[in-house]
Amino acid sequence: MEIIFSGWNPQWRAQFRAIQADLGGGLKKNRVSYLTIEHVGSTSIAHLVAKPMLDILIVVADADFNDSHRERLKENQRIMQYSMAKNEIVRKVLKKAGWTHAEVDEKEGREKKGYPEI
């Protein structure tokens, strides 16, 4: 898989705001309560070289995650495969930055803690 990087683009903020509004409207329309929709990842940091793909985090209350949501995630395996592949890339970067296997495993364990199994 080829990974492409780009210089920071100030349009990414405007693109996120538009996506945030669309997601918020869709969530409300489908009666999904959420706490926040955030722009995360490399494109959210001004002047950082990044892959030109916006990463967005939707934070929902645990009580809102039900079997219907779990089934939708299962149906969308292409996104889940992307997330798993991204985790491997992050692990490699952290190891090259000097983290030990134990430190990477500990961080990954903390990130997964609290999330329901799909």
PDB file of N, CA and C in Angstrom:
ATOM      1  N   MET A   1       0.851  -1.170   0.000  1.00  0.00           N
ATOM      2  CA  MET A   1       0.000   0.000   0.000  1.00  0.00           C
ATOM      3  C   MET A   1       0.897   1.234   0.000  1.00  0.00           C
ATOM      4  N   GLU A   2       0.652   2.145  -0.912  1.00  0.00           N
ATOM      5  CA  GLU A   2       1.418   3.381  -0.996  1.00  0.00           C
ATOM      6  C   GLU A   2       0.812   4.416  -0.057  1.00  0.00           C
ATOM      7  N   ILE A   3       1.659   5.089   0.704  1.00  0.00           N
ATOM      8  CA  ILE A   3       1.203   6.137   1.608  1.00  0.00           C
ATOM      9  C   ILE A   3       1.682   7.466   1.045  1.00  0.00           C
ATOM     10  N   ILE A   4       0.763   8.395   0.870  1.00  0.00           N
ATOM     11  CA  ILE A   4       1.072   9.698   0.287  1.00  0.00           C
ATOM     12  C   ILE A   4       0.968  10.758   1.373  1.00  0.00           C
ATOM     13  N   PHE A   5       1.968  11.644   1.443  1.00  0.00           N
ATOM     14  CA  PHE A   5       1.954  12.742   2.388  1.00  0.00           C
ATOM     15  C   PHE A   5       1.858  14.052   1.642  1.00  0.00           C
ATOM     16  N   SER A   6       1.307  15.050   2.308  1.00  0.00           N
ATOM     17  CA  SER A   6       1.097  16.354   1.700  1.00  0.00           C
ATOM     18  C   SER A   6       1.456  17.428   2.715  1.00  0.00           C
ATOM     19  N   GLY A   7       1.852  18.591   2.215  1.00  0.00           N
ATOM     20  CA  GLY A   7       2.029  19.729   3.101  1.00  0.00           C
ATOM     21  C   GLY A   7       0.691  20.123   3.693  1.00  0.00           C
ATOM     22  N   TRP A   8       0.732  20.749   4.848  1.00  0.00           N
ATOM     23  CA  TRP A   8      -0.507  21.120   5.532  1.00  0.00           C
ATOM     24  C   TRP A   8      -1.354  22.030   4.659  1.00  0.00           C
ATOM     25  N   ASN A   9      -2.651  21.799   4.673  1.00  0.00           N
ATOM     26  CA  ASN A   9      -3.587  22.546   3.848  1.00  0.00           C
ATOM     27  C   ASN A   9      -4.630  23.201   4.759  1.00  0.00           C
ATOM     28  N   PRO A  10      -4.701  24.526   4.782  1.00  0.00           N
ATOM     29  CA  PRO A  10      -5.673  25.194   5.654  1.00  0.00           C
ATOM     30  C   PRO A  10      -7.130  24.862   5.302  1.00  0.00           C
ATOM     31  N   GLN A  11      -7.367  24.333   4.108  1.00  0.00           N
ATOM     32  CA  GLN A  11      -8.717  23.935   3.713  1.00  0.00           C
ATOM     33  C   GLN A  11      -9.220  22.735   4.525  1.00  0.00           C
ATOM     34  N   TRP A  12      -8.293  21.977   5.110  1.00  0.00           N
ATOM     35  CA  TRP A  12      -8.708  20.810   5.891  1.00  0.00           C
ATOM     36  C   TRP A  12      -9.626  21.211   7.041  1.00  0.00           C
ATOM     37  N   ARG A  13      -9.391  22.371   7.636  1.00  0.00           N
ATOM     38  CA  ARG A  13     -10.259  22.833   8.737  1.00  0.00           C
ATOM     39  C   ARG A  13     -11.679  23.082   8.236  1.00  0.00           C
ATOM     40  N   ALA A  14     -11.793  23.754   7.104  1.00  0.00           N
ATOM     41  CA  ALA A  14     -13.115  24.032   6.531  1.00  0.00           C
ATOM     42  C   ALA A  14     -13.807  22.737   6.111  1.00  0.00           C
ATOM     43  N   GLN A  15     -13.041  21.812   5.535  1.00  0.00           N
ATOM     44  CA  GLN A  15     -13.620  20.521   5.155  1.00  0.00           C
ATOM     45  C   GLN A  15     -14.138  19.784   6.382  1.00  0.00           C
ATOM     46  N   PHE A  16     -13.369  19.817   7.465  1.00  0.00           N
ATOM     47  CA  PHE A  16     -13.821  19.168   8.696  1.00  0.00           C
ATOM     48  C   PHE A  16     -15.106  19.804   9.198  1.00  0.00           C
ATOM     49  N   ARG A  17     -15.172  21.120   9.229  1.00  0.00           N
ATOM     50  CA  ARG A  17     -16.386  21.801   9.729  1.00  0.00           C
ATOM     51  C   ARG A  17     -17.622  21.381   8.919  1.00  0.00           C
ATOM     52  N   ALA A  18     -17.469  21.254   7.608  1.00  0.00           N
ATOM     53  CA  ALA A  18     -18.595  20.830   6.765  1.00  0.00           C
ATOM     54  C   ALA A  18     -18.992  19.393   7.090  1.00  0.00           C
ATOM     55  N   ILE A  19     -18.003  18.521   7.236  1.00  0.00           N
ATOM     56  CA  ILE A  19     -18.280  17.119   7.567  1.00  0.00           C
ATOM     57  C   ILE A  19     -18.894  17.025   8.958  1.00  0.00           C
ATOM     58  N   GLN A  20     -18.371  17.803   9.886  1.00  0.00           N
ATOM     59  CA  GLN A  20     -18.893  17.819  11.258  1.00  0.00           C
ATOM     60  C   GLN A  20     -20.381  18.195  11.267  1.00  0.00           C
ATOM     61  N   ALA A  21     -20.736  19.210  10.484  1.00  0.00           N
ATOM     62  CA  ALA A  21     -22.136  19.625  10.412  1.00  0.00           C
ATOM     63  C   ALA A  21     -23.004  18.520   9.807  1.00  0.00           C
ATOM     64  N   ASP A  22     -22.521  17.882   8.746  1.00  0.00           N
ATOM     65  CA  ASP A  22     -23.274  16.795   8.122  1.00  0.00           C
ATOM     66  C   ASP A  22     -23.452  15.613   9.073  1.00  0.00           C
ATOM     67  N   LEU A  23     -22.361  15.237   9.749  1.00  0.00           N
ATOM     68  CA  LEU A  23     -22.452  14.120  10.693  1.00  0.00           C
ATOM     69  C   LEU A  23     -23.391  14.442  11.850  1.00  0.00           C
ATOM     70  N   GLY A  24     -23.256  15.635  12.390  1.00  0.00           N
ATOM     71  CA  GLY A  24     -24.129  16.042  13.495  1.00  0.00           C
ATOM     72  C   GLY A  24     -25.594  16.007  13.097  1.00  0.00           C
ATOM     73  N   GLY A  25     -25.886  16.499  11.896  1.00  0.00           N
ATOM     74  CA  GLY A  25     -27.265  16.468  11.408  1.00  0.00           C
ATOM     75  C   GLY A  25     -27.769  15.051  11.218  1.00  0.00           C
ATOM     76  N   GLY A  26     -26.928  14.190  10.651  1.00  0.00           N
ATOM     77  CA  GLY A  26     -27.315  12.797  10.436  1.00  0.00           C
ATOM     78  C   GLY A  26     -27.528  12.048  11.743  1.00  0.00           C
ATOM     79  N   LEU A  27     -26.649  12.300  12.707  1.00  0.00           N
ATOM     80  CA  LEU A  27     -26.796  11.648  14.011  1.00  0.00           C
ATOM     81  C   LEU A  27     -28.084  12.087  14.705  1.00  0.00           C
ATOM     82  N   LYS A  28     -28.350  13.386  14.670  1.00  0.00           N
ATOM     83  CA  LYS A  28     -29.586  13.896  15.295  1.00  0.00           C
ATOM     84  C   LYS A  28     -30.818  13.341  14.590  1.00  0.00           C
ATOM     85  N   LYS A  29     -30.772  13.313  13.263  1.00  0.00           N
ATOM     86  CA  LYS A  29     -31.901  12.793  12.483  1.00  0.00           C
ATOM     87  C   LYS A  29     -32.198  11.347  12.853  1.00  0.00           C
ATOM     88  N   ASN A  30     -31.153  10.573  13.125  1.00  0.00           N
ATOM     89  CA  ASN A  30     -31.315   9.167  13.478  1.00  0.00           C
ATOM     90  C   ASN A  30     -31.379   8.936  14.988  1.00  0.00           C
ATOM     91  N   ARG A  31     -31.559  10.035  15.721  1.00  0.00           N
ATOM     92  CA  ARG A  31     -31.722  10.004  17.182  1.00  0.00           C
ATOM     93  C   ARG A  31     -30.548   9.342  17.902  1.00  0.00           C
ATOM     94  N   VAL A  32     -29.348   9.616  17.417  1.00  0.00           N
ATOM     95  CA  VAL A  32     -28.139   9.132  18.086  1.00  0.00           C
ATOM     96  C   VAL A  32     -27.540  10.320  18.829  1.00  0.00           C
ATOM     97  N   SER A  33     -27.558  10.242  20.149  1.00  0.00           N
ATOM     98  CA  SER A  33     -26.964  11.339  20.911  1.00  0.00           C
ATOM     99  C   SER A  33     -25.452  11.163  20.928  1.00  0.00           C
ATOM    100  N   TYR A  34     -24.759  12.283  20.884  1.00  0.00           N
ATOM    101  CA  TYR A  34     -23.304  12.237  20.891  1.00  0.00           C
ATOM    102  C   TYR A  34     -22.779  13.377  21.755  1.00  0.00           C
ATOM    103  N   LEU A  35     -21.561  13.201  22.231  1.00  0.00           N
ATOM    104  CA  LEU A  35     -20.956  14.214  23.082  1.00  0.00           C
ATOM    105  C   LEU A  35     -20.203  15.254  22.271  1.00  0.00           C
ATOM    106  N   THR A  36     -19.466  14.796  21.266  1.00  0.00           N
ATOM    107  CA  THR A  36     -18.693  15.712  20.436  1.00  0.00           C
ATOM    108  C   THR A  36     -18.249  15.023  19.155  1.00  0.00           C
ATOM    109  N   ILE A  37     -17.942  15.820  18.164  1.00  0.00           N
ATOM    110  CA  ILE A  37     -17.345  15.350  16.915  1.00  0.00           C
ATOM    111  C   ILE A  37     -16.055  16.143  16.757  1.00  0.00           C
ATOM    112  N   GLU A  38     -14.920  15.437  16.724  1.00  0.00           N
ATOM    113  CA  GLU A  38     -13.615  16.100  16.729  1.00  0.00           C
ATOM    114  C   GLU A  38     -12.783  15.748  15.505  1.00  0.00           C
ATOM    115  N   HIS A  39     -11.989  16.710  15.073  1.00  0.00           N
ATOM    116  CA  HIS A  39     -10.999  16.521  14.017  1.00  0.00           C
ATOM    117  C   HIS A  39      -9.724  16.061  14.707  1.00  0.00           C
ATOM    118  N   VAL A  40      -9.277  14.855  14.420  1.00  0.00           N
ATOM    119  CA  VAL A  40      -8.093  14.297  15.067  1.00  0.00           C
ATOM    120  C   VAL A  40      -7.093  13.869  14.000  1.00  0.00           C
ATOM    121  N   GLY A  41      -5.928  13.477  14.415  1.00  0.00           N
ATOM    122  CA  GLY A  41      -4.940  12.991  13.473  1.00  0.00           C
ATOM    123  C   GLY A  41      -4.089  14.112  12.906  1.00  0.00           C
ATOM    124  N   SER A  42      -3.227  13.735  11.990  1.00  0.00           N
ATOM    125  CA  SER A  42      -2.216  14.658  11.481  1.00  0.00           C
ATOM    126  C   SER A  42      -2.793  15.862  10.756  1.00  0.00           C
ATOM    127  N   THR A  43      -3.918  15.713  10.079  1.00  0.00           N
ATOM    128  CA  THR A  43      -4.484  16.861   9.354  1.00  0.00           C
ATOM    129  C   THR A  43      -5.072  17.911  10.288  1.00  0.00           C
ATOM    130  N   SER A  44      -5.246  17.584  11.546  1.00  0.00           N
ATOM    131  CA  SER A  44      -5.816  18.545  12.500  1.00  0.00           C
ATOM    132  C   SER A  44      -4.754  19.463  13.108  1.00  0.00           C
ATOM    133  N   ILE A  45      -3.487  19.202  12.824  1.00  0.00           N
ATOM    134  CA  ILE A  45      -2.394  19.977  13.416  1.00  0.00           C
ATOM    135  C   ILE A  45      -1.811  20.902  12.355  1.00  0.00           C
ATOM    136  N   ALA A  46      -1.935  22.200  12.591  1.00  0.00           N
ATOM    137  CA  ALA A  46      -1.482  23.198  11.629  1.00  0.00           C
ATOM    138  C   ALA A  46      -0.002  23.028  11.294  1.00  0.00           C
ATOM    139  N   HIS A  47       0.291  23.120  10.005  1.00  0.00           N
ATOM    140  CA  HIS A  47       1.651  23.129   9.469  1.00  0.00           C
ATOM    141  C   HIS A  47       2.401  21.808   9.615  1.00  0.00           C
ATOM    142  N   LEU A  48       1.679  20.736   9.895  1.00  0.00           N
ATOM    143  CA  LEU A  48       2.298  19.417   9.981  1.00  0.00           C
ATOM    144  C   LEU A  48       2.107  18.696   8.649  1.00  0.00           C
ATOM    145  N   VAL A  49       3.153  18.068   8.146  1.00  0.00           N
ATOM    146  CA  VAL A  49       3.022  17.240   6.941  1.00  0.00           C
ATOM    147  C   VAL A  49       2.127  16.066   7.312  1.00  0.00           C
ATOM    148  N   ALA A  50       1.184  15.735   6.438  1.00  0.00           N
ATOM    149  CA  ALA A  50       0.172  14.739   6.796  1.00  0.00           C
ATOM    150  C   ALA A  50      -0.285  13.964   5.570  1.00  0.00           C
ATOM    151  N   LYS A  51      -0.935  12.845   5.826  1.00  0.00           N
ATOM    152  CA  LYS A  51      -1.632  12.158   4.742  1.00  0.00           C
ATOM    153  C   LYS A  51      -2.903  12.970   4.489  1.00  0.00           C
ATOM    154  N   PRO A  52      -3.268  13.206   3.248  1.00  0.00           N
ATOM    155  CA  PRO A  52      -4.409  14.079   2.967  1.00  0.00           C
ATOM    156  C   PRO A  52      -5.759  13.369   3.151  1.00  0.00           C
ATOM    157  N   MET A  53      -5.979  12.852   4.349  1.00  0.00           N
ATOM    158  CA  MET A  53      -7.249  12.201   4.684  1.00  0.00           C
ATOM    159  C   MET A  53      -7.631  12.643   6.093  1.00  0.00           C
ATOM    160  N   LEU A  54      -8.824  13.178   6.243  1.00  0.00           N
ATOM    161  CA  LEU A  54      -9.259  13.658   7.549  1.00  0.00           C
ATOM    162  C   LEU A  54      -9.660  12.490   8.444  1.00  0.00           C
ATOM    163  N   ASP A  55      -9.175  12.531   9.676  1.00  0.00           N
ATOM    164  CA  ASP A  55      -9.580  11.559  10.691  1.00  0.00           C
ATOM    165  C   ASP A  55     -10.551  12.264  11.621  1.00  0.00           C
ATOM    166  N   ILE A  56     -11.690  11.641  11.837  1.00  0.00           N
ATOM    167  CA  ILE A  56     -12.741  12.248  12.640  1.00  0.00           C
ATOM    168  C   ILE A  56     -13.165  11.274  13.723  1.00  0.00           C
ATOM    169  N   LEU A  57     -13.320  11.804  14.927  1.00  0.00           N
ATOM    170  CA  LEU A  57     -13.721  11.005  16.076  1.00  0.00           C
ATOM    171  C   LEU A  57     -15.087  11.479  16.549  1.00  0.00           C
ATOM    172  N   ILE A  58     -16.032  10.549  16.657  1.00  0.00           N
ATOM    173  CA  ILE A  58     -17.351  10.851  17.204  1.00  0.00           C
ATOM    174  C   ILE A  58     -17.420  10.189  18.569  1.00  0.00           C
ATOM    175  N   VAL A  59     -17.639  10.985  19.601  1.00  0.00           N
ATOM    176  CA  VAL A  59     -17.709  10.466  20.964  1.00  0.00           C
ATOM    177  C   VAL A  59     -19.176  10.348  21.355  1.00  0.00           C
ATOM    178  N   VAL A  60     -19.581   9.105  21.673  1.00  0.00           N
ATOM    179  CA  VAL A  60     -20.952   8.858  22.115  1.00  0.00           C
ATOM    180  C   VAL A  60     -20.914   8.273  23.524  1.00  0.00           C
ATOM    181  N   ALA A  61     -22.003   8.427  24.240  1.00  0.00           N
ATOM    182  CA  ALA A  61     -22.105   7.837  25.573  1.00  0.00           C
ATOM    183  C   ALA A  61     -22.173   6.323  25.433  1.00  0.00           C
ATOM    184  N   ASP A  62     -21.599   5.602  26.389  1.00  0.00           N
ATOM    185  CA  ASP A  62     -21.625   4.137  26.351  1.00  0.00           C
ATOM    186  C   ASP A  62     -23.040   3.601  26.220  1.00  0.00           C
ATOM    187  N   ALA A  63     -23.980   4.252  26.865  1.00  0.00           N
ATOM    188  CA  ALA A  63     -25.354   3.768  26.856  1.00  0.00           C
ATOM    189  C   ALA A  63     -25.953   3.783  25.453  1.00  0.00           C
ATOM    190  N   ASP A  64     -25.397   4.620  24.573  1.00  0.00           N
ATOM    191  CA  ASP A  64     -25.933   4.717  23.212  1.00  0.00           C
ATOM    192  C   ASP A  64     -25.441   3.610  22.293  1.00  0.00           C
ATOM    193  N   PHE A  65     -24.387   2.903  22.691  1.00  0.00           N
ATOM    194  CA  PHE A  65     -23.842   1.857  21.839  1.00  0.00           C
ATOM    195  C   PHE A  65     -24.628   0.579  22.078  1.00  0.00           C
ATOM    196  N   ASN A  66     -25.388   0.179  21.079  1.00  0.00           N
ATOM    197  CA  ASN A  66     -26.251  -0.988  21.247  1.00  0.00           C
ATOM    198  C   ASN A  66     -26.023  -1.993  20.119  1.00  0.00           C
ATOM    199  N   ASP A  67     -26.800  -3.046  20.101  1.00  0.00           N
ATOM    200  CA  ASP A  67     -26.627  -4.093  19.091  1.00  0.00           C
ATOM    201  C   ASP A  67     -26.774  -3.566  17.672  1.00  0.00           C
ATOM    202  N   SER A  68     -27.652  -2.587  17.477  1.00  0.00           N
ATOM    203  CA  SER A  68     -27.832  -2.017  16.146  1.00  0.00           C
ATOM    204  C   SER A  68     -26.547  -1.347  15.667  1.00  0.00           C
ATOM    205  N   HIS A  69     -25.908  -0.574  16.537  1.00  0.00           N
ATOM    206  CA  HIS A  69     -24.652   0.072  16.177  1.00  0.00           C
ATOM    207  C   HIS A  69     -23.564  -0.970  15.906  1.00  0.00           C
ATOM    208  N   ARG A  70     -23.515  -1.997  16.729  1.00  0.00           N
ATOM    209  CA  ARG A  70     -22.513  -3.050  16.569  1.00  0.00           C
ATOM    210  C   ARG A  70     -22.692  -3.739  15.212  1.00  0.00           C
ATOM    211  N   GLU A  71     -23.930  -3.994  14.815  1.00  0.00           N
ATOM    212  CA  GLU A  71     -24.192  -4.641  13.527  1.00  0.00           C
ATOM    213  C   GLU A  71     -23.758  -3.751  12.370  1.00  0.00           C
ATOM    214  N   ARG A  72     -23.998  -2.440  12.486  1.00  0.00           N
ATOM    215  CA  ARG A  72     -23.564  -1.527  11.431  1.00  0.00           C
ATOM    216  C   ARG A  72     -22.046  -1.543  11.279  1.00  0.00           C
ATOM    217  N   LEU A  73     -21.334  -1.607  12.399  1.00  0.00           N
ATOM    218  CA  LEU A  73     -19.874  -1.670  12.335  1.00  0.00           C
ATOM    219  C   LEU A  73     -19.416  -2.967  11.675  1.00  0.00           C
ATOM    220  N   LYS A  74     -20.078  -4.067  11.986  1.00  0.00           N
ATOM    221  CA  LYS A  74     -19.714  -5.346  11.374  1.00  0.00           C
ATOM    222  C   LYS A  74     -19.916  -5.311   9.871  1.00  0.00           C
ATOM    223  N   GLU A  75     -20.998  -4.628   9.437  1.00  0.00           N
ATOM    224  CA  GLU A  75     -21.292  -4.538   8.008  1.00  0.00           C
ATOM    225  C   GLU A  75     -20.255  -3.705   7.265  1.00  0.00           C
ATOM    226  N   ASN A  76     -19.585  -2.797   7.964  1.00  0.00           N
ATOM    227  CA  ASN A  76     -18.648  -1.889   7.330  1.00  0.00           C
ATOM    228  C   ASN A  76     -17.212  -2.362   7.554  1.00  0.00           C
ATOM    229  N   GLN A  77     -16.903  -3.594   7.139  1.00  0.00           N
ATOM    230  CA  GLN A  77     -15.597  -4.198   7.372  1.00  0.00           C
ATOM    231  C   GLN A  77     -14.461  -3.469   6.653  1.00  0.00           C
ATOM    232  N   ARG A  78     -14.740  -2.739   5.510  1.00  0.00           N
ATOM    233  CA  ARG A  78     -13.635  -2.051   4.839  1.00  0.00           C
ATOM    234  C   ARG A  78     -13.030  -1.002   5.760  1.00  0.00           C
ATOM    235  N   ILE A  79     -13.873  -0.249   6.497  1.00  0.00           N
ATOM    236  CA  ILE A  79     -13.378   0.765   7.439  1.00  0.00           C
ATOM    237  C   ILE A  79     -12.653   0.095   8.594  1.00  0.00           C
ATOM    238  N   MET A  80     -13.173  -1.041   9.083  1.00  0.00           N
ATOM    239  CA  MET A  80     -12.524  -1.739  10.191  1.00  0.00           C
ATOM    240  C   MET A  80     -11.153  -2.243   9.760  1.00  0.00           C
ATOM    241  N   GLN A  81     -11.026  -2.727   8.527  1.00  0.00           N
ATOM    242  CA  GLN A  81      -9.727  -3.187   8.032  1.00  0.00           C
ATOM    243  C   GLN A  81      -8.744  -2.025   7.966  1.00  0.00           C
ATOM    244  N   TYR A  82      -9.223  -0.864   7.546  1.00  0.00           N
ATOM    245  CA  TYR A  82      -8.369   0.332   7.504  1.00  0.00           C
ATOM    246  C   TYR A  82      -7.874   0.672   8.904  1.00  0.00           C
ATOM    247  N   SER A  83      -8.765   0.651   9.881  1.00  0.00           N
ATOM    248  CA  SER A  83      -8.393   0.983  11.256  1.00  0.00           C
ATOM    249  C   SER A  83      -7.354   0.015  11.792  1.00  0.00           C
ATOM    250  N   MET A  84      -7.525  -1.259  11.520  1.00  0.00           N
ATOM    251  CA  MET A  84      -6.572  -2.261  11.995  1.00  0.00           C
ATOM    252  C   MET A  84      -5.206  -2.064  11.326  1.00  0.00           C
ATOM    253  N   ALA A  85      -5.211  -1.772  10.017  1.00  0.00           N
ATOM    254  CA  ALA A  85      -3.954  -1.539   9.310  1.00  0.00           C
ATOM    255  C   ALA A  85      -3.266  -0.290   9.845  1.00  0.00           C
ATOM    256  N   LYS A  86      -4.046   0.731  10.155  1.00  0.00           N
ATOM    257  CA  LYS A  86      -3.485   1.959  10.702  1.00  0.00           C
ATOM    258  C   LYS A  86      -2.835   1.682  12.055  1.00  0.00           C
ATOM    259  N   ASN A  87      -3.450   0.839  12.870  1.00  0.00           N
ATOM    260  CA  ASN A  87      -2.867   0.489  14.164  1.00  0.00           C
ATOM    261  C   ASN A  87      -1.473  -0.108  13.983  1.00  0.00           C
ATOM    262  N   GLU A  88      -1.312  -0.955  12.984  1.00  0.00           N
ATOM    263  CA  GLU A  88      -0.008  -1.564  12.742  1.00  0.00           C
ATOM    264  C   GLU A  88       1.024  -0.520  12.358  1.00  0.00           C
ATOM    265  N   ILE A  89       0.629   0.459  11.558  1.00  0.00           N
ATOM    266  CA  ILE A  89       1.549   1.527  11.166  1.00  0.00           C
ATOM    267  C   ILE A  89       1.955   2.340  12.394  1.00  0.00           C
ATOM    268  N   VAL A  90       1.010   2.661  13.244  1.00  0.00           N
ATOM    269  CA  VAL A  90       1.311   3.415  14.468  1.00  0.00           C
ATOM    270  C   VAL A  90       2.271   2.627  15.348  1.00  0.00           C
ATOM    271  N   ARG A  91       2.037   1.317  15.475  1.00  0.00           N
ATOM    272  CA  ARG A  91       2.942   0.477  16.273  1.00  0.00           C
ATOM    273  C   ARG A  91       4.371   0.542  15.721  1.00  0.00           C
ATOM    274  N   LYS A  92       4.523   0.456  14.403  1.00  0.00           N
ATOM    275  CA  LYS A  92       5.853   0.509  13.794  1.00  0.00           C
ATOM    276  C   LYS A  92       6.535   1.852  14.054  1.00  0.00           C
ATOM    277  N   VAL A  93       5.769   2.938  13.930  1.00  0.00           N
ATOM    278  CA  VAL A  93       6.322   4.274  14.163  1.00  0.00           C
ATOM    279  C   VAL A  93       6.787   4.413  15.607  1.00  0.00           C
ATOM    280  N   LEU A  94       5.956   3.964  16.553  1.00  0.00           N
ATOM    281  CA  LEU A  94       6.328   4.061  17.966  1.00  0.00           C
ATOM    282  C   LEU A  94       7.577   3.239  18.266  1.00  0.00           C
ATOM    283  N   LYS A  95       7.677   2.059  17.671  1.00  0.00           N
ATOM    284  CA  LYS A  95       8.867   1.223  17.886  1.00  0.00           C
ATOM    285  C   LYS A  95      10.119   1.887  17.308  1.00  0.00           C
ATOM    286  N   LYS A  96       9.993   2.499  16.119  1.00  0.00           N
ATOM    287  CA  LYS A  96      11.137   3.206  15.536  1.00  0.00           C
ATOM    288  C   LYS A  96      11.506   4.433  16.356  1.00  0.00           C
ATOM    289  N   ALA A  97      10.532   4.989  17.081  1.00  0.00           N
ATOM    290  CA  ALA A  97      10.793   6.155  17.929  1.00  0.00           C
ATOM    291  C   ALA A  97      11.440   5.758  19.249  1.00  0.00           C
ATOM    292  N   GLY A  98      11.639   4.453  19.453  1.00  0.00           N
ATOM    293  CA  GLY A  98      12.336   4.002  20.640  1.00  0.00           C
ATOM    294  C   GLY A  98      11.470   3.358  21.709  1.00  0.00           C
ATOM    295  N   TRP A  99      10.180   3.243  21.464  1.00  0.00           N
ATOM    296  CA  TRP A  99       9.300   2.589  22.440  1.00  0.00           C
ATOM    297  C   TRP A  99       9.604   1.089  22.453  1.00  0.00           C
ATOM    298  N   THR A 100       9.489   0.485  23.614  1.00  0.00           N
ATOM    299  CA  THR A 100       9.657  -0.962  23.716  1.00  0.00           C
ATOM    300  C   THR A 100       8.352  -1.642  23.318  1.00  0.00           C
ATOM    301  N   HIS A 101       8.447  -2.943  23.041  1.00  0.00           N
ATOM    302  CA  HIS A 101       7.226  -3.701  22.722  1.00  0.00           C
ATOM    303  C   HIS A 101       6.226  -3.594  23.871  1.00  0.00           C
ATOM    304  N   ALA A 102       6.724  -3.674  25.103  1.00  0.00           N
ATOM    305  CA  ALA A 102       5.844  -3.602  26.272  1.00  0.00           C
ATOM    306  C   ALA A 102       5.146  -2.252  26.363  1.00  0.00           C
ATOM    307  N   GLU A 103       5.869  -1.155  26.068  1.00  0.00           N
ATOM    308  CA  GLU A 103       5.260   0.177  26.111  1.00  0.00           C
ATOM    309  C   GLU A 103       4.181   0.333  25.040  1.00  0.00           C
ATOM    310  N   VAL A 104       4.457  -0.176  23.850  1.00  0.00           N
ATOM    311  CA  VAL A 104       3.467  -0.096  22.766  1.00  0.00           C
ATOM    312  C   VAL A 104       2.241  -0.932  23.128  1.00  0.00           C
ATOM    313  N   ASP A 105       2.468  -2.146  23.640  1.00  0.00           N
ATOM    314  CA  ASP A 105       1.349  -3.004  24.042  1.00  0.00           C
ATOM    315  C   ASP A 105       0.518  -2.355  25.142  1.00  0.00           C
ATOM    316  N   GLU A 106       1.203  -1.716  26.100  1.00  0.00           N
ATOM    317  CA  GLU A 106       0.486  -1.059  27.203  1.00  0.00           C
ATOM    318  C   GLU A 106      -0.381   0.079  26.679  1.00  0.00           C
ATOM    319  N   LYS A 107       0.162   0.904  25.783  1.00  0.00           N
ATOM    320  CA  LYS A 107      -0.612   2.013  25.219  1.00  0.00           C
ATOM    321  C   LYS A 107      -1.799   1.491  24.428  1.00  0.00           C
ATOM    322  N   GLU A 108      -1.567   0.475  23.609  1.00  0.00           N
ATOM    323  CA  GLU A 108      -2.656  -0.082  22.807  1.00  0.00           C
ATOM    324  C   GLU A 108      -3.737  -0.669  23.708  1.00  0.00           C
ATOM    325  N   GLY A 109      -3.340  -1.315  24.792  1.00  0.00           N
ATOM    326  CA  GLY A 109      -4.303  -1.867  25.741  1.00  0.00           C
ATOM    327  C   GLY A 109      -5.147  -0.790  26.387  1.00  0.00           C
ATOM    328  N   ARG A 110      -4.524   0.349  26.711  1.00  0.00           N
ATOM    329  CA  ARG A 110      -5.280   1.459  27.312  1.00  0.00           C
ATOM    330  C   ARG A 110      -6.257   2.040  26.306  1.00  0.00           C
ATOM    331  N   GLU A 111      -5.871   2.110  25.039  1.00  0.00           N
ATOM    332  CA  GLU A 111      -6.746   2.658  24.014  1.00  0.00           C
ATOM    333  C   GLU A 111      -7.969   1.776  23.799  1.00  0.00           C
ATOM    334  N   LYS A 112      -7.785   0.464  23.853  1.00  0.00           N
ATOM    335  CA  LYS A 112      -8.882  -0.465  23.604  1.00  0.00           C
ATOM    336  C   LYS A 112      -9.794  -0.628  24.801  1.00  0.00           C
ATOM    337  N   LYS A 113      -9.276  -0.361  26.000  1.00  0.00           N
ATOM    338  CA  LYS A 113     -10.043  -0.593  27.230  1.00  0.00           C
ATOM    339  C   LYS A 113     -11.329   0.236  27.205  1.00  0.00           C
ATOM    340  N   GLY A 114     -12.415  -0.400  27.495  1.00  0.00           N
ATOM    341  CA  GLY A 114     -13.683   0.314  27.540  1.00  0.00           C
ATOM    342  C   GLY A 114     -14.472   0.271  26.254  1.00  0.00           C
ATOM    343  N   TYR A 115     -13.840  -0.162  25.159  1.00  0.00           N
ATOM    344  CA  TYR A 115     -14.580  -0.243  23.911  1.00  0.00           C
ATOM    345  C   TYR A 115     -15.187  -1.630  23.778  1.00  0.00           C
ATOM    346  N   PRO A 116     -16.436  -1.714  23.365  1.00  0.00           N
ATOM    347  CA  PRO A 116     -17.064  -3.045  23.231  1.00  0.00           C
ATOM    348  C   PRO A 116     -16.470  -3.816  22.078  1.00  0.00           C
ATOM    349  N   GLU A 117     -16.414  -5.112  22.230  1.00  0.00           N
ATOM    350  CA  GLU A 117     -15.951  -5.972  21.148  1.00  0.00           C
ATOM    351  C   GLU A 117     -16.963  -5.943  20.029  1.00  0.00           C
ATOM    352  N   ILE A 118     -16.483  -5.985  18.822  1.00  0.00           N
ATOM    353  CA  ILE A 118     -17.389  -5.970  17.652  1.00  0.00           C
ATOM    354  C   ILE A 118     -17.597  -7.383  17.176  1.00  0.00           C
TER     355      ILE A 118
END
